[in-house]
């Protein structure tokens, strides 16, 4: 019986899919690194993470996924949500969409597929897009008082 328990423990440890390191970082399908609190490594033909939240009663806010970065200072680049789909070689098939937003069938005038809100006293853009190589907002945007 003891031999069976030892073999079972070794098997579970060797093929474990959820890993937590000594710093409390979690990896699913991957050993967690110090760069991320939570990491998921999918395999081919699989999606990464899904989140579903039931609607709340009227007057309340529901988030399917909520992310926040606070005290972003020091010249670093901070993103609340980042989506990237990029093939390293050009292809004549398939589609790549970095971020998709879908909304509808609520109060007229309040259905937004993608919503951006610029806050604070510095200029910028609530929604910004480019075509081609991106190396930061163009000078006319970073200097504009809009």
Protein backbone atom coordinates (compact mmCIF):
# COMPACT_ATOMS: atom_id res chain seq x y z
CA UNK A 1 0.00 0.00 0.00
CA UNK A 2 2.84 2.40 0.85
CA UNK A 3 4.52 1.61 -2.46
CA UNK A 4 1.26 2.45 -4.30
CA UNK A 5 0.96 5.77 -2.44
CA UNK A 6 4.55 6.73 -3.32
CA UNK A 7 4.05 5.88 -7.02
CA UNK A 8 0.77 7.82 -7.05
CA UNK A 9 2.42 10.85 -5.44
CA UNK A 10 5.30 10.81 -7.95
CA UNK A 11 2.86 10.43 -10.87
CA UNK A 12 0.71 13.33 -9.70
CA UNK A 13 3.77 15.52 -9.14
CA UNK A 14 5.29 14.67 -12.52
CA UNK A 15 2.12 15.28 -14.54
CA UNK A 16 0.65 18.10 -12.50
CA UNK A 17 -1.08 20.75 -14.66
CA UNK A 18 -1.48 23.43 -11.96
CA UNK A 19 1.79 24.60 -10.46
CA UNK A 20 2.31 27.11 -7.66
CA UNK A 21 5.82 28.31 -6.90
CA UNK A 22 7.15 29.47 -3.52
CA UNK A 23 6.22 33.10 -4.34
CA UNK A 24 2.57 32.14 -4.89
CA UNK A 25 2.72 32.53 -8.68
CA UNK A 26 0.47 30.08 -10.53
CA UNK A 27 1.02 28.30 -13.83
CA UNK A 28 -1.41 26.06 -15.68
CA UNK A 29 0.35 23.83 -18.19
CA UNK A 30 3.58 25.77 -17.55
CA UNK A 31 6.02 26.45 -14.74
CA UNK A 32 5.20 29.97 -13.48
CA UNK A 33 7.89 32.62 -13.94
CA UNK A 34 8.61 35.70 -11.87
CA UNK A 35 7.25 37.94 -14.66
CA UNK A 36 3.60 36.89 -14.18
CA UNK A 37 1.32 36.20 -11.23
CA UNK A 38 -0.82 33.82 -13.33
CA UNK A 39 0.18 32.05 -16.54
CA UNK A 40 -1.72 29.66 -18.80
CA UNK A 41 -0.09 27.73 -21.62
CA UNK A 42 -2.57 26.30 -24.09
CA UNK A 43 -1.92 23.65 -26.68
CA UNK A 44 -2.77 23.72 -30.36
CA UNK A 45 -6.49 23.84 -31.18
CA UNK A 46 -7.34 25.14 -27.69
CA UNK A 47 -8.45 28.51 -26.40
CA UNK A 48 -6.62 30.16 -23.48
CA UNK A 49 -9.00 31.48 -20.82
CA UNK A 50 -12.75 31.97 -20.79
CA UNK A 51 -14.77 33.91 -18.27
CA UNK A 52 -18.52 34.01 -17.90
CA UNK A 53 -20.48 36.07 -15.39
CA UNK A 54 -24.24 35.96 -14.87
CA UNK A 55 -25.99 39.30 -15.24
CA UNK A 56 -26.80 41.23 -12.07
CA UNK A 57 -29.92 43.09 -11.14
CA UNK A 58 -30.62 46.49 -12.69
CA UNK A 59 -28.28 49.28 -11.62
CA UNK A 60 -25.28 47.02 -10.94
CA UNK A 61 -22.16 46.55 -13.06
CA UNK A 62 -21.03 43.11 -14.24
CA UNK A 63 -17.52 42.36 -15.56
CA UNK A 64 -16.67 39.18 -17.45
CA UNK A 65 -12.99 40.02 -16.97
CA UNK A 66 -11.65 42.90 -14.90
CA UNK A 67 -8.06 44.08 -14.99
CA UNK A 68 -6.45 47.11 -13.42
CA UNK A 69 -2.97 48.58 -13.21
CA UNK A 70 -2.51 51.17 -10.47
CA UNK A 71 0.19 53.75 -9.82
CA UNK A 72 1.63 53.45 -13.30
CA UNK A 73 4.55 55.88 -13.24
CA UNK A 74 8.20 56.09 -14.17
CA UNK A 75 7.88 56.08 -17.95
CA UNK A 76 6.84 52.43 -18.19
CA UNK A 77 4.24 51.13 -20.64
CA UNK A 78 1.17 49.87 -18.76
CA UNK A 79 -1.76 48.01 -20.31
CA UNK A 80 -4.97 46.98 -18.58
CA UNK A 81 -5.72 44.46 -21.35
CA UNK A 82 -3.42 43.42 -24.18
CA UNK A 83 -4.37 41.29 -27.16
CA UNK A 84 -1.90 40.15 -29.77
CA UNK A 85 -2.29 37.85 -32.75
CA UNK A 86 0.64 37.84 -35.14
CA UNK A 87 2.06 35.33 -37.58
CA UNK A 88 5.83 35.52 -38.00
CA UNK A 89 5.42 34.83 -41.73
CA UNK A 90 2.94 36.32 -44.19
CA UNK A 91 0.02 34.03 -45.05
CA UNK A 92 -2.79 34.11 -47.59
CA UNK A 93 -5.31 32.48 -45.28
CA UNK A 94 -6.75 33.01 -41.81
CA UNK A 95 -7.62 36.10 -39.82
CA UNK A 96 -5.87 37.93 -36.98
CA UNK A 97 -7.83 40.17 -34.61
CA UNK A 98 -5.98 41.58 -31.59
CA UNK A 99 -9.07 42.72 -29.68
CA UNK A 100 -12.73 42.10 -30.43
CA UNK A 101 -15.60 43.88 -28.74
CA UNK A 102 -19.26 43.00 -29.19
CA UNK A 103 -22.22 44.74 -27.58
CA UNK A 104 -25.90 45.26 -28.30
CA UNK A 105 -29.59 45.19 -27.42
CA UNK A 106 -29.39 47.55 -24.45
CA UNK A 107 -30.47 51.20 -24.07
CA UNK A 108 -30.31 53.13 -27.37
CA UNK A 109 -27.04 55.04 -27.65
CA UNK A 110 -25.29 52.93 -24.96
CA UNK A 111 -24.05 49.92 -26.95
CA UNK A 112 -20.30 50.07 -27.60
CA UNK A 113 -18.25 47.27 -29.17
CA UNK A 114 -15.10 49.00 -27.93
CA UNK A 115 -15.19 51.85 -25.42
CA UNK A 116 -12.31 54.06 -24.38
CA UNK A 117 -12.31 56.78 -21.75
CA UNK A 118 -9.36 59.18 -21.46
CA UNK A 119 -8.88 60.45 -17.91
CA UNK A 120 -6.49 62.83 -16.18
CA UNK A 121 -4.97 66.12 -17.27
CA UNK A 122 -2.64 64.84 -20.01
CA UNK A 123 -3.66 64.71 -23.69
CA UNK A 124 -4.02 61.48 -25.61
CA UNK A 125 -6.74 59.43 -27.28
CA UNK A 126 -9.52 57.28 -25.83
CA UNK A 127 -9.22 54.90 -28.80
CA UNK A 128 -6.09 54.85 -30.99
CA UNK A 129 -5.18 52.68 -33.95
CA UNK A 130 -2.40 52.46 -36.53
CA UNK A 131 -1.62 50.49 -39.65
CA UNK A 132 1.89 49.16 -40.09
CA UNK A 133 4.78 49.23 -37.65
CA UNK A 134 3.89 50.78 -34.28
CA UNK A 135 6.58 52.54 -32.29
CA UNK A 136 4.37 54.80 -30.17
CA UNK A 137 1.84 57.52 -30.96
CA UNK A 138 2.85 59.95 -33.69
CA UNK A 139 4.23 63.31 -32.53
CA UNK A 140 1.05 65.14 -33.55
CA UNK A 141 -0.92 62.98 -31.10
CA UNK A 142 1.51 63.18 -28.22
CA UNK A 143 1.66 66.99 -28.56
CA UNK A 144 -2.01 67.63 -29.37
CA UNK A 145 -4.28 69.25 -26.82
CA UNK A 146 -7.43 67.29 -27.64
